[in-house]
PDB file of N, CA and C in Angstrom:
ATOM      1  N   UNK A   1      46.819  62.697  19.975  1.00  0.00           N
ATOM      2  CA  UNK A   1      46.454  63.805  19.113  1.00  0.00           C
ATOM      3  C   UNK A   1      45.542  64.802  19.855  1.00  0.00           C
ATOM      4  N   UNK A   2      44.631  64.277  20.664  1.00  0.00           N
ATOM      5  CA  UNK A   2      43.724  65.158  21.391  1.00  0.00           C
ATOM      6  C   UNK A   2      44.502  66.003  22.398  1.00  0.00           C
ATOM      7  N   UNK A   3      45.571  65.436  22.972  1.00  0.00           N
ATOM      8  CA  UNK A   3      46.372  66.203  23.918  1.00  0.00           C
ATOM      9  C   UNK A   3      47.030  67.414  23.265  1.00  0.00           C
ATOM     10  N   UNK A   4      47.444  67.270  22.022  1.00  0.00           N
ATOM     11  CA  UNK A   4      48.045  68.401  21.296  1.00  0.00           C
ATOM     12  C   UNK A   4      47.000  69.470  21.029  1.00  0.00           C
ATOM     13  N   UNK A   5      45.804  69.064  20.630  1.00  0.00           N
ATOM     14  CA  UNK A   5      44.718  70.023  20.395  1.00  0.00           C
ATOM     15  C   UNK A   5      44.362  70.746  21.686  1.00  0.00           C
ATOM     16  N   UNK A   6      44.289  69.996  22.789  1.00  0.00           N
ATOM     17  CA  UNK A   6      43.981  70.594  24.086  1.00  0.00           C
ATOM     18  C   UNK A   6      45.062  71.600  24.476  1.00  0.00           C
ATOM     19  N   UNK A   7      46.317  71.241  24.275  1.00  0.00           N
ATOM     20  CA  UNK A   7      47.423  72.133  24.598  1.00  0.00           C
ATOM     21  C   UNK A   7      47.348  73.426  23.785  1.00  0.00           C
ATOM     22  N   UNK A   8      47.077  73.306  22.492  1.00  0.00           N
ATOM     23  CA  UNK A   8      46.984  74.483  21.625  1.00  0.00           C
ATOM     24  C   UNK A   8      45.814  75.377  22.050  1.00  0.00           C
ATOM     25  N   UNK A   9      44.665  74.768  22.344  1.00  0.00           N
ATOM     26  CA  UNK A   9      43.504  75.555  22.768  1.00  0.00           C
ATOM     27  C   UNK A   9      43.764  76.283  24.089  1.00  0.00           C
ATOM     28  N   UNK A  10      44.410  75.609  25.032  1.00  0.00           N
ATOM     29  CA  UNK A  10      44.705  76.252  26.313  1.00  0.00           C
ATOM     30  C   UNK A  10      45.716  77.377  26.134  1.00  0.00           C
ATOM     31  N   UNK A  11      46.724  77.166  25.305  1.00  0.00           N
ATOM     32  CA  UNK A  11      47.707  78.225  25.076  1.00  0.00           C
ATOM     33  C   UNK A  11      47.086  79.441  24.399  1.00  0.00           C
ATOM     34  N   UNK A  12      46.260  79.210  23.391  1.00  0.00           N
ATOM     35  CA  UNK A  12      45.602  80.339  22.714  1.00  0.00           C
ATOM     36  C   UNK A  12      44.656  81.052  23.675  1.00  0.00           C
ATOM     37  N   UNK A  13      43.888  80.282  24.440  1.00  0.00           N
ATOM     38  CA  UNK A  13      42.985  80.890  25.415  1.00  0.00           C
ATOM     39  C   UNK A  13      43.728  81.693  26.468  1.00  0.00           C
ATOM     40  N   UNK A  14      44.837  81.154  26.957  1.00  0.00           N
ATOM     41  CA  UNK A  14      45.625  81.875  27.958  1.00  0.00           C
ATOM     42  C   UNK A  14      46.245  83.136  27.367  1.00  0.00           C
ATOM     43  N   UNK A  15      46.695  83.072  26.122  1.00  0.00           N
ATOM     44  CA  UNK A  15      47.245  84.269  25.478  1.00  0.00           C
ATOM     45  C   UNK A  15      46.177  85.338  25.274  1.00  0.00           C
ATOM     46  N   UNK A  16      44.971  84.917  24.932  1.00  0.00           N
ATOM     47  CA  UNK A  16      43.887  85.889  24.799  1.00  0.00           C
ATOM     48  C   UNK A  16      43.554  86.540  26.136  1.00  0.00           C
ATOM     49  N   UNK A  17      43.521  85.763  27.195  1.00  0.00           N
ATOM     50  CA  UNK A  17      43.266  86.332  28.526  1.00  0.00           C
ATOM     51  C   UNK A  17      44.410  87.259  28.943  1.00  0.00           C
ATOM     52  N   UNK A  18      45.636  86.902  28.579  1.00  0.00           N
ATOM     53  CA  UNK A  18      46.777  87.758  28.877  1.00  0.00           C
ATOM     54  C   UNK A  18      46.690  89.076  28.111  1.00  0.00           C
ATOM     55  N   UNK A  19      46.327  89.018  26.841  1.00  0.00           N
ATOM     56  CA  UNK A  19      46.187  90.256  26.069  1.00  0.00           C
ATOM     57  C   UNK A  19      45.064  91.128  26.620  1.00  0.00           C
ATOM     58  N   UNK A  20      44.013  90.507  27.136  1.00  0.00           N
ATOM     59  CA  UNK A  20      42.937  91.289  27.755  1.00  0.00           C
ATOM     60  C   UNK A  20      43.456  92.032  28.983  1.00  0.00           C
ATOM     61  N   UNK A  21      44.251  91.374  29.797  1.00  0.00           N
ATOM     62  CA  UNK A  21      44.768  92.039  30.994  1.00  0.00           C
ATOM     63  C   UNK A  21      45.788  93.116  30.627  1.00  0.00           C
ATOM     64  N   UNK A  22      46.594  92.887  29.622  1.00  0.00           N
ATOM     65  CA  UNK A  22      47.541  93.910  29.178  1.00  0.00           C
ATOM     66  C   UNK A  22      46.786  95.111  28.608  1.00  0.00           C
ATOM     67  N   UNK A  23      45.718  94.846  27.868  1.00  0.00           N
ATOM     68  CA  UNK A  23      44.913  95.933  27.323  1.00  0.00           C
ATOM     69  C   UNK A  23      44.277  96.785  28.402  1.00  0.00           C
ATOM     70  N   UNK A  24      43.852  96.167  29.496  1.00  0.00           N
ATOM     71  CA  UNK A  24      43.296  96.935  30.614  1.00  0.00           C
ATOM     72  C   UNK A  24      44.331  97.881  31.213  1.00  0.00           C
ATOM     73  N   UNK A  25      45.572  97.460  31.223  1.00  0.00           N
ATOM     74  CA  UNK A  25      46.618  98.301  31.789  1.00  0.00           C
ATOM     75  C   UNK A  25      47.124  99.358  30.813  1.00  0.00           C
ATOM     76  N   UNK A  26      47.150  99.038  29.525  1.00  0.00           N
ATOM     77  CA  UNK A  26      47.792  99.920  28.553  1.00  0.00           C
ATOM     78  C   UNK A  26      46.864 100.946  27.911  1.00  0.00           C
ATOM     79  N   UNK A  27      45.601 100.607  27.707  1.00  0.00           N
ATOM     80  CA  UNK A  27      44.711 101.540  27.028  1.00  0.00           C
ATOM     81  C   UNK A  27      44.373 102.703  27.942  1.00  0.00           C
ATOM     82  N   UNK A  28      44.094 103.858  27.325  1.00  0.00           N
ATOM     83  CA  UNK A  28      43.971 105.086  28.100  1.00  0.00           C
ATOM     84  C   UNK A  28      42.549 105.460  28.464  1.00  0.00           C
ATOM     85  N   UNK A  29      41.550 105.032  27.701  1.00  0.00           N
ATOM     86  CA  UNK A  29      40.193 105.489  27.989  1.00  0.00           C
ATOM     87  C   UNK A  29      39.259 104.304  28.216  1.00  0.00           C
ATOM     88  N   UNK A  30      38.080 104.618  28.743  1.00  0.00           N
ATOM     89  CA  UNK A  30      37.134 103.591  29.165  1.00  0.00           C
ATOM     90  C   UNK A  30      36.648 102.713  28.013  1.00  0.00           C
ATOM     91  N   UNK A  31      36.235 103.262  26.862  1.00  0.00           N
ATOM     92  CA  UNK A  31      35.729 102.367  25.805  1.00  0.00           C
ATOM     93  C   UNK A  31      36.758 101.350  25.306  1.00  0.00           C
ATOM     94  N   UNK A  32      38.004 101.763  25.148  1.00  0.00           N
ATOM     95  CA  UNK A  32      39.003 100.798  24.691  1.00  0.00           C
ATOM     96  C   UNK A  32      39.338  99.780  25.779  1.00  0.00           C
ATOM     97  N   UNK A  33      39.309 100.204  27.021  1.00  0.00           N
ATOM     98  CA  UNK A  33      39.528  99.245  28.111  1.00  0.00           C
ATOM     99  C   UNK A  33      38.389  98.238  28.199  1.00  0.00           C
ATOM    100  N   UNK A  34      37.171  98.696  27.984  1.00  0.00           N
ATOM    101  CA  UNK A  34      36.037  97.767  27.992  1.00  0.00           C
ATOM    102  C   UNK A  34      36.140  96.763  26.853  1.00  0.00           C
ATOM    103  N   UNK A  35      36.581  97.236  25.700  1.00  0.00           N
ATOM    104  CA  UNK A  35      36.768  96.326  24.569  1.00  0.00           C
ATOM    105  C   UNK A  35      37.808  95.265  24.916  1.00  0.00           C
ATOM    106  N   UNK A  36      38.904  95.704  25.519  1.00  0.00           N
ATOM    107  CA  UNK A  36      39.958  94.759  25.900  1.00  0.00           C
ATOM    108  C   UNK A  36      39.500  93.812  26.988  1.00  0.00           C
ATOM    109  N   UNK A  37      38.618  94.268  27.859  1.00  0.00           N
ATOM    110  CA  UNK A  37      38.191  93.427  28.982  1.00  0.00           C
ATOM    111  C   UNK A  37      37.177  92.381  28.563  1.00  0.00           C
ATOM    112  N   UNK A  38      36.417  92.618  27.514  1.00  0.00           N
ATOM    113  CA  UNK A  38      35.330  91.694  27.190  1.00  0.00           C
ATOM    114  C   UNK A  38      35.653  90.757  26.038  1.00  0.00           C
ATOM    115  N   UNK A  39      36.065  91.277  24.919  1.00  0.00           N
ATOM    116  CA  UNK A  39      36.165  90.437  23.722  1.00  0.00           C
ATOM    117  C   UNK A  39      37.227  89.341  23.823  1.00  0.00           C
ATOM    118  N   UNK A  40      38.504  89.644  24.042  1.00  0.00           N
ATOM    119  CA  UNK A  40      39.469  88.536  24.094  1.00  0.00           C
ATOM    120  C   UNK A  40      39.303  87.648  25.318  1.00  0.00           C
ATOM    121  N   UNK A  41      38.843  88.218  26.407  1.00  0.00           N
ATOM    122  CA  UNK A  41      38.687  87.431  27.630  1.00  0.00           C
ATOM    123  C   UNK A  41      37.604  86.371  27.459  1.00  0.00           C
ATOM    124  N   UNK A  42      36.491  86.740  26.844  1.00  0.00           N
ATOM    125  CA  UNK A  42      35.396  85.778  26.647  1.00  0.00           C
ATOM    126  C   UNK A  42      35.829  84.682  25.676  1.00  0.00           C
ATOM    127  N   UNK A  43      36.484  85.067  24.593  1.00  0.00           N
ATOM    128  CA  UNK A  43      36.953  84.052  23.637  1.00  0.00           C
ATOM    129  C   UNK A  43      37.989  83.144  24.286  1.00  0.00           C
ATOM    130  N   UNK A  44      38.863  83.704  25.100  1.00  0.00           N
ATOM    131  CA  UNK A  44      39.857  82.889  25.802  1.00  0.00           C
ATOM    132  C   UNK A  44      39.202  81.886  26.738  1.00  0.00           C
ATOM    133  N   UNK A  45      38.181  82.318  27.459  1.00  0.00           N
ATOM    134  CA  UNK A  45      37.462  81.407  28.350  1.00  0.00           C
ATOM    135  C   UNK A  45      36.772  80.291  27.561  1.00  0.00           C
ATOM    136  N   UNK A  46      36.183  80.632  26.426  1.00  0.00           N
ATOM    137  CA  UNK A  46      35.518  79.614  25.605  1.00  0.00           C
ATOM    138  C   UNK A  46      36.529  78.579  25.118  1.00  0.00           C
ATOM    139  N   UNK A  47      37.682  79.037  24.652  1.00  0.00           N
ATOM    140  CA  UNK A  47      38.702  78.089  24.174  1.00  0.00           C
ATOM    141  C   UNK A  47      39.209  77.199  25.301  1.00  0.00           C
ATOM    142  N   UNK A  48      39.400  77.763  26.476  1.00  0.00           N
ATOM    143  CA  UNK A  48      39.854  76.948  27.612  1.00  0.00           C
ATOM    144  C   UNK A  48      38.773  75.957  28.031  1.00  0.00           C
ATOM    145  N   UNK A  49      37.509  76.373  28.002  1.00  0.00           N
ATOM    146  CA  UNK A  49      36.417  75.453  28.348  1.00  0.00           C
ATOM    147  C   UNK A  49      36.325  74.312  27.332  1.00  0.00           C
ATOM    148  N   UNK A  50      36.508  74.610  26.057  1.00  0.00           N
ATOM    149  CA  UNK A  50      36.511  73.550  25.033  1.00  0.00           C
ATOM    150  C   UNK A  50      37.667  72.593  25.280  1.00  0.00           C
ATOM    151  N   UNK A  51      38.826  73.136  25.627  1.00  0.00           N
ATOM    152  CA  UNK A  51      39.988  72.283  25.901  1.00  0.00           C
ATOM    153  C   UNK A  51      39.745  71.373  27.102  1.00  0.00           C
ATOM    154  N   UNK A  52      39.135  71.900  28.139  1.00  0.00           N
ATOM    155  CA  UNK A  52      38.832  71.077  29.316  1.00  0.00           C
ATOM    156  C   UNK A  52      37.839  69.975  28.944  1.00  0.00           C
ATOM    157  N   UNK A  53      36.815  70.331  28.164  1.00  0.00           N
ATOM    158  CA  UNK A  53      35.837  69.333  27.742  1.00  0.00           C
ATOM    159  C   UNK A  53      36.458  68.226  26.904  1.00  0.00           C
ATOM    160  N   UNK A  54      37.362  68.617  25.988  1.00  0.00           N
ATOM    161  CA  UNK A  54      38.042  67.605  25.167  1.00  0.00           C
ATOM    162  C   UNK A  54      38.982  66.743  26.002  1.00  0.00           C
ATOM    163  N   UNK A  55      39.668  67.358  26.926  1.00  0.00           N
ATOM    164  CA  UNK A  55      40.635  66.631  27.734  1.00  0.00           C
ATOM    165  C   UNK A  55      39.974  65.591  28.627  1.00  0.00           C
ATOM    166  N   UNK A  56      38.896  65.977  29.284  1.00  0.00           N
ATOM    167  CA  UNK A  56      38.242  65.048  30.203  1.00  0.00           C
ATOM    168  C   UNK A  56      37.264  64.114  29.503  1.00  0.00           C
ATOM    169  N   UNK A  57      36.702  64.559  28.376  1.00  0.00           N
ATOM    170  CA  UNK A  57      35.855  63.698  27.562  1.00  0.00           C
ATOM    171  C   UNK A  57      34.651  63.113  28.273  1.00  0.00           C
ATOM    172  N   UNK A  58      34.025  63.887  29.117  1.00  0.00           N
ATOM    173  CA  UNK A  58      32.890  63.402  29.875  1.00  0.00           C
ATOM    174  C   UNK A  58      31.687  64.306  29.627  1.00  0.00           C
ATOM    175  N   UNK A  59      30.509  63.706  29.551  1.00  0.00           N
ATOM    176  CA  UNK A  59      29.292  64.490  29.359  1.00  0.00           C
ATOM    177  C   UNK A  59      28.970  65.320  30.593  1.00  0.00           C
ATOM    178  N   UNK A  60      29.344  64.840  31.758  1.00  0.00           N
ATOM    179  CA  UNK A  60      29.107  65.598  32.979  1.00  0.00           C
ATOM    180  C   UNK A  60      29.926  66.891  32.982  1.00  0.00           C
ATOM    181  N   UNK A  61      31.149  66.811  32.502  1.00  0.00           N
ATOM    182  CA  UNK A  61      31.997  68.007  32.425  1.00  0.00           C
ATOM    183  C   UNK A  61      31.426  68.986  31.405  1.00  0.00           C
ATOM    184  N   UNK A  62      31.001  68.463  30.260  1.00  0.00           N
ATOM    185  CA  UNK A  62      30.405  69.338  29.242  1.00  0.00           C
ATOM    186  C   UNK A  62      29.128  69.991  29.761  1.00  0.00           C
ATOM    187  N   UNK A  63      28.342  69.239  30.499  1.00  0.00           N
ATOM    188  CA  UNK A  63      27.116  69.796  31.062  1.00  0.00           C
ATOM    189  C   UNK A  63      27.417  70.869  32.101  1.00  0.00           C
ATOM    190  N   UNK A  64      28.557  70.792  32.748  1.00  0.00           N
ATOM    191  CA  UNK A  64      28.958  71.820  33.704  1.00  0.00           C
ATOM    192  C   UNK A  64      29.534  73.039  32.995  1.00  0.00           C
ATOM    193  N   UNK A  65      30.284  72.838  31.902  1.00  0.00           N
ATOM    194  CA  UNK A  65      30.959  73.942  31.213  1.00  0.00           C
ATOM    195  C   UNK A  65      30.023  74.782  30.360  1.00  0.00           C
ATOM    196  N   UNK A  66      28.969  74.186  29.823  1.00  0.00           N
ATOM    197  CA  UNK A  66      28.046  74.933  28.969  1.00  0.00           C
ATOM    198  C   UNK A  66      27.397  76.089  29.732  1.00  0.00           C
ATOM    199  N   UNK A  67      26.849  75.889  30.931  1.00  0.00           N
ATOM    200  CA  UNK A  67      26.297  77.053  31.647  1.00  0.00           C
ATOM    201  C   UNK A  67      27.353  78.099  32.016  1.00  0.00           C
ATOM    202  N   UNK A  68      28.574  77.656  32.302  1.00  0.00           N
ATOM    203  CA  UNK A  68      29.638  78.611  32.622  1.00  0.00           C
ATOM    204  C   UNK A  68      29.889  79.535  31.434  1.00  0.00           C
ATOM    205  N   UNK A  69      29.991  78.959  30.244  1.00  0.00           N
ATOM    206  CA  UNK A  69      30.229  79.752  29.034  1.00  0.00           C
ATOM    207  C   UNK A  69      29.021  80.638  28.738  1.00  0.00           C
ATOM    208  N   UNK A  70      27.819  80.100  28.870  1.00  0.00           N
ATOM    209  CA  UNK A  70      26.621  80.896  28.585  1.00  0.00           C
ATOM    210  C   UNK A  70      26.472  82.071  29.555  1.00  0.00           C
ATOM    211  N   UNK A  71      26.778  81.853  30.809  1.00  0.00           N
ATOM    212  CA  UNK A  71      26.707  82.950  31.775  1.00  0.00           C
ATOM    213  C   UNK A  71      27.757  84.013  31.452  1.00  0.00           C
ATOM    214  N   UNK A  72      28.932  83.582  31.062  1.00  0.00           N
ATOM    215  CA  UNK A  72      29.974  84.545  30.678  1.00  0.00           C
ATOM    216  C   UNK A  72      29.561  85.332  29.441  1.00  0.00           C
ATOM    217  N   UNK A  73      28.964  84.657  28.463  1.00  0.00           N
ATOM    218  CA  UNK A  73      28.506  85.348  27.257  1.00  0.00           C
ATOM    219  C   UNK A  73      27.384  86.337  27.561  1.00  0.00           C
ATOM    220  N   UNK A  74      26.595  86.066  28.580  1.00  0.00           N
ATOM    221  CA  UNK A  74      25.490  86.959  28.931  1.00  0.00           C
ATOM    222  C   UNK A  74      25.948  88.122  29.798  1.00  0.00           C
ATOM    223  N   UNK A  75      26.871  87.877  30.710  1.00  0.00           N
ATOM    224  CA  UNK A  75      27.212  88.922  31.672  1.00  0.00           C
ATOM    225  C   UNK A  75      28.318  89.859  31.215  1.00  0.00           C
ATOM    226  N   UNK A  76      29.261  89.415  30.414  1.00  0.00           N
ATOM    227  CA  UNK A  76      30.370  90.293  30.007  1.00  0.00           C
ATOM    228  C   UNK A  76      29.890  91.501  29.205  1.00  0.00           C
ATOM    229  N   UNK A  77      29.052  91.332  28.172  1.00  0.00           N
ATOM    230  CA  UNK A  77      28.588  92.530  27.454  1.00  0.00           C
ATOM    231  C   UNK A  77      27.700  93.424  28.311  1.00  0.00           C
ATOM    232  N   UNK A  78      26.888  92.824  29.164  1.00  0.00           N
ATOM    233  CA  UNK A  78      26.021  93.614  30.029  1.00  0.00           C
ATOM    234  C   UNK A  78      26.840  94.447  31.011  1.00  0.00           C
ATOM    235  N   UNK A  79      27.840  93.845  31.615  1.00  0.00           N
ATOM    236  CA  UNK A  79      28.691  94.578  32.553  1.00  0.00           C
ATOM    237  C   UNK A  79      29.458  95.686  31.838  1.00  0.00           C
ATOM    238  N   UNK A  80      29.959  95.415  30.641  1.00  0.00           N
ATOM    239  CA  UNK A  80      30.671  96.438  29.880  1.00  0.00           C
ATOM    240  C   UNK A  80      29.749  97.597  29.517  1.00  0.00           C
ATOM    241  N   UNK A  81      28.522  97.285  29.164  1.00  0.00           N
ATOM    242  CA  UNK A  81      27.552  98.331  28.834  1.00  0.00           C
ATOM    243  C   UNK A  81      27.281  99.216  30.050  1.00  0.00           C
ATOM    244  N   UNK A  82      27.073  98.605  31.192  1.00  0.00           N
ATOM    245  CA  UNK A  82      26.775  99.374  32.399  1.00  0.00           C
ATOM    246  C   UNK A  82      27.971 100.236  32.829  1.00  0.00           C
ATOM    247  N   UNK A  83      29.170  99.705  32.737  1.00  0.00           N
ATOM    248  CA  UNK A  83      30.363 100.480  33.085  1.00  0.00           C
ATOM    249  C   UNK A  83      30.537 101.635  32.101  1.00  0.00           C
ATOM    250  N   UNK A  84      30.295 101.381  30.822  1.00  0.00           N
ATOM    251  CA  UNK A  84      30.409 102.434  29.816  1.00  0.00           C
ATOM    252  C   UNK A  84      29.411 103.558  30.028  1.00  0.00           C
ATOM    253  N   UNK A  85      28.174 103.206  30.333  1.00  0.00           N
ATOM    254  CA  UNK A  85      27.166 104.251  30.601  1.00  0.00           C
ATOM    255  C   UNK A  85      27.513 105.066  31.839  1.00  0.00           C
ATOM    256  N   UNK A  86      27.996 104.400  32.874  1.00  0.00           N
ATOM    257  CA  UNK A  86      28.360 105.128  34.086  1.00  0.00           C
ATOM    258  C   UNK A  86      29.562 106.028  33.836  1.00  0.00           C
ATOM    259  N   UNK A  87      30.507 105.564  33.048  1.00  0.00           N
ATOM    260  CA  UNK A  87      31.660 106.408  32.715  1.00  0.00           C
ATOM    261  C   UNK A  87      31.219 107.624  31.914  1.00  0.00           C
ATOM    262  N   UNK A  88      30.236 107.448  31.043  1.00  0.00           N
ATOM    263  CA  UNK A  88      29.711 108.581  30.284  1.00  0.00           C
ATOM    264  C   UNK A  88      29.033 109.574  31.217  1.00  0.00           C
ATOM    265  N   UNK A  89      28.240 109.070  32.131  1.00  0.00           N
ATOM    266  CA  UNK A  89      27.535 109.956  33.072  1.00  0.00           C
ATOM    267  C   UNK A  89      28.494 110.683  34.007  1.00  0.00           C
ATOM    268  N   UNK A  90      29.595 110.038  34.381  1.00  0.00           N
ATOM    269  CA  UNK A  90      30.583 110.674  35.245  1.00  0.00           C
ATOM    270  C   UNK A  90      31.452 111.675  34.502  1.00  0.00           C
ATOM    271  N   UNK A  91      31.431 111.607  33.181  1.00  0.00           N
ATOM    272  CA  UNK A  91      32.270 112.503  32.382  1.00  0.00           C
ATOM    273  C   UNK A  91      33.693 112.032  32.227  1.00  0.00           C
ATOM    274  N   UNK A  92      33.949 110.748  32.428  1.00  0.00           N
ATOM    275  CA  UNK A  92      35.307 110.234  32.301  1.00  0.00           C
ATOM    276  C   UNK A  92      35.619 109.727  30.902  1.00  0.00           C
ATOM    277  N   UNK A  93      34.688 109.887  29.967  1.00  0.00           N
ATOM    278  CA  UNK A  93      34.929 109.510  28.571  1.00  0.00           C
ATOM    279  C   UNK A  93      35.387 110.744  27.811  1.00  0.00           C
ATOM    280  N   UNK A  94      36.379 110.567  26.962  1.00  0.00           N
ATOM    281  CA  UNK A  94      36.887 111.651  26.126  1.00  0.00           C
ATOM    282  C   UNK A  94      35.868 111.921  25.015  1.00  0.00           C
ATOM    283  N   UNK A  95      34.988 112.892  25.240  1.00  0.00           N
ATOM    284  CA  UNK A  95      33.874 113.134  24.317  1.00  0.00           C
ATOM    285  C   UNK A  95      34.306 113.542  22.910  1.00  0.00           C
ATOM    286  N   UNK A  96      35.388 114.310  22.716  1.00  0.00           N
ATOM    287  CA  UNK A  96      35.780 114.618  21.326  1.00  0.00           C
ATOM    288  C   UNK A  96      36.171 113.386  20.518  1.00  0.00           C
ATOM    289  N   UNK A  97      36.536 112.297  21.181  1.00  0.00           N
ATOM    290  CA  UNK A  97      36.913 111.091  20.441  1.00  0.00           C
ATOM    291  C   UNK A  97      35.702 110.261  20.004  1.00  0.00           C
ATOM    292  N   UNK A  98      34.504 110.606  20.477  1.00  0.00           N
ATOM    293  CA  UNK A  98      33.297 109.876  20.088  1.00  0.00           C
ATOM    294  C   UNK A  98      32.882 110.271  18.679  1.00  0.00           C
ATOM    295  N   UNK A  99      32.612 109.292  17.840  1.00  0.00           N
ATOM    296  CA  UNK A  99      32.128 109.580  16.496  1.00  0.00           C
ATOM    297  C   UNK A  99      30.655 109.952  16.517  1.00  0.00           C
ATOM    298  N   UNK A 100      29.867 109.195  17.271  1.00  0.00           N
ATOM    299  CA  UNK A 100      28.441 109.451  17.419  1.00  0.00           C
ATOM    300  C   UNK A 100      28.138 109.448  18.911  1.00  0.00           C
ATOM    301  N   UNK A 101      27.481 110.493  19.373  1.00  0.00           N
ATOM    302  CA  UNK A 101      27.125 110.591  20.789  1.00  0.00           C
ATOM    303  C   UNK A 101      25.613 110.500  20.911  1.00  0.00           C
ATOM    304  N   UNK A 102      25.104 109.287  21.037  1.00  0.00           N
ATOM    305  CA  UNK A 102      23.660 109.069  21.084  1.00  0.00           C
ATOM    306  C   UNK A 102      23.044 109.478  22.411  1.00  0.00           C
ATOM    307  N   UNK A 103      23.829 109.649  23.445  1.00  0.00           N
ATOM    308  CA  UNK A 103      23.295 109.983  24.760  1.00  0.00           C
ATOM    309  C   UNK A 103      23.328 111.476  25.060  1.00  0.00           C
ATOM    310  N   UNK A 104      23.847 112.277  24.142  1.00  0.00           N
ATOM    311  CA  UNK A 104      24.032 113.696  24.414  1.00  0.00           C
ATOM    312  C   UNK A 104      22.719 114.445  24.618  1.00  0.00           C
ATOM    313  N   UNK A 105      21.740 114.198  23.769  1.00  0.00           N
ATOM    314  CA  UNK A 105      20.483 114.937  23.822  1.00  0.00           C
ATOM    315  C   UNK A 105      19.341 114.103  24.356  1.00  0.00           C
ATOM    316  N   UNK A 106      19.595 113.154  25.204  1.00  0.00           N
ATOM    317  CA  UNK A 106      18.538 112.301  25.727  1.00  0.00           C
ATOM    318  C   UNK A 106      18.401 111.050  24.882  1.00  0.00           C
ATOM    319  N   UNK A 107      17.249 110.406  24.961  1.00  0.00           N
ATOM    320  CA  UNK A 107      17.043 109.164  24.215  1.00  0.00           C
ATOM    321  C   UNK A 107      17.145 109.397  22.719  1.00  0.00           C
ATOM    322  N   UNK A 108      17.738 108.463  22.053  1.00  0.00           N
ATOM    323  CA  UNK A 108      17.916 108.547  20.604  1.00  0.00           C
ATOM    324  C   UNK A 108      16.602 108.217  19.906  1.00  0.00           C
ATOM    325  N   UNK A 109      16.166 109.090  19.040  1.00  0.00           N
ATOM    326  CA  UNK A 109      14.966 108.833  18.254  1.00  0.00           C
ATOM    327  C   UNK A 109      15.342 108.782  16.788  1.00  0.00           C
ATOM    328  N   UNK A 110      14.988 107.722  16.106  1.00  0.00           N
ATOM    329  CA  UNK A 110      15.336 107.636  14.687  1.00  0.00           C
ATOM    330  C   UNK A 110      14.530 108.660  13.880  1.00  0.00           C
ATOM    331  N   UNK A 111      15.077 109.119  12.765  1.00  0.00           N
ATOM    332  CA  UNK A 111      14.339 110.085  11.946  1.00  0.00           C
ATOM    333  C   UNK A 111      13.079 109.445  11.356  1.00  0.00           C
ATOM    334  N   UNK A 112      12.085 110.270  11.186  1.00  0.00           N
ATOM    335  CA  UNK A 112      10.824 109.794  10.590  1.00  0.00           C
ATOM    336  C   UNK A 112      11.040 109.492   9.122  1.00  0.00           C
ATOM    337  N   UNK A 113      10.295 108.556   8.565  1.00  0.00           N
ATOM    338  CA  UNK A 113      10.430 108.259   7.138  1.00  0.00           C
ATOM    339  C   UNK A 113      10.120 109.498   6.312  1.00  0.00           C
ATOM    340  N   UNK A 114      10.952 109.747   5.339  1.00  0.00           N
ATOM    341  CA  UNK A 114      10.761 110.882   4.454  1.00  0.00           C
ATOM    342  C   UNK A 114      11.513 112.118   4.909  1.00  0.00           C
ATOM    343  N   UNK A 115      12.165 112.093   6.064  1.00  0.00           N
ATOM    344  CA  UNK A 115      12.931 113.259   6.545  1.00  0.00           C
ATOM    345  C   UNK A 115      14.309 113.293   5.954  1.00  0.00           C
TER     346      UNK A 115
END
């Protein structure tokens, strides 16, 4: 039974990673490509790591996989943020498609209470 669960988790994880790579190729602008590069890819990696942990059933493997997943969870959003900011600074983002442009006039300051 565990082998079937492992197989399903690996297939779903691999499909998520595949959709992330297809999204990188198919989407036209930086924000949508960043979304495709981070969200499904991280979830796919987590599912594959869970499948490996279940398959091998060892605490040593789990102790190795937990930092891998945590590092991925920490670095993927940070890298996407940095790439997005640089794309904005280079002018490669389609500005009319932005709903809110918080970087246009410098640092964003919230309105004062009562304004």
